[in-house]
Amino acid sequence: MKNITFFLLLFPFIVFSQDDLLGELNEEIKEDRKVISVFKSLKVVNFETTKLANKKDFYLVISHRFGSVKNGIDDLFGLDQAVTQFKFIYGVNEWLNIGVARSSNQKKYGVHAKYRLKYQEKNGFPVSIVGYNLITANTSLKDDVYPNINFEDRLSYTSQLLISRKFNDNLSLLLAPSFIHENLATRSFVQENGSTNFYDEENNQFALGFGGRYKVSKRISLNIDYGLHLNRNENSVYNNPLSIGADIETGGHVFQVHFTNAQAMFEEGFITQAQGDWLDGDFFFGFNLVRVF
């Protein structure tokens, strides 16, 4: 009788414990459905990926672009014309990153936010979706060239929706619809009939970014990305950005090496102002060094 009474007293606790255990197991099952490591680095080459820094992680990204290899040994294949960008990124939580950066190209400063909207899931939601917003300030614009320039004229805004899918352990692809607003629109200088004519882009510009990663070994992948500018001025001297490179994982960081026809590293720069032409041998060697603390 005492054993029966003792069991009846314990029964509710047993039931609740089983419910808690089942709840934890269900949470683990739900967590396991998330597809992670779609990309190993924060960037494909130029375009952002759907990877975010983890909560409280601090990233240092050093990006370097040499000058064009077109001039050969005269400037040591672009060594004399190099530009550098330093970027600091902090994982506020599991779905939000914030970052600041400075590039020697046009002496630009930038701040950005990157935030996860949806995970790709196994046997569930087919893609990962991340939002990305960037504001940059071009501090190289001179008052003597632009006598009435205001601070807001130096600003550009980029908004992107990053959509990726990991097809298998080796292949991941990215689509990046992009909107750019330049308060001072990109200008092309064109020599025509012995005179210089100016052609400005629209303040609002639209592009589609494409990217992919193919893993060739445990620590190395081949990467490519391309930006299709949808409303570029037909008289523009600039081209769509095409970049080819490789990710090399070396323990605490990812080292990216690449060739690209865009020397600028902020989004509105490489999308709207890719000055190189692959067909003319006019492209740039560079690297991204990503270190997490």
Foldseek 3Di string as FASTA:
>chain_A
DVVVVVCVVCVVVVVVVVVVVVVVVVVVVVVVFFDPPLDPDQALAQHGALDDDAAFKKKKKKKKWFFWQLVPPPCPRRNVPMKIKIKIWGHNHHFKIKMWMFIPVLRKIKIKMKGWDDTDTHVDRFKTKMKMKMKMFRPNDDCVVVVPDDRLQRIKIKIWIWIKGRPDPFKIKIKIKMKMAHSNFDWAWDQDPNDTDIDGFDRIWIKMKIKMWGDDDPFKIKIKMWIGTDRADPPHQADTKIKIWMWGDDPQWIKIKIKMQFNDRDPVRNGRHSNGDVVSSTIIIMMMIMGMD
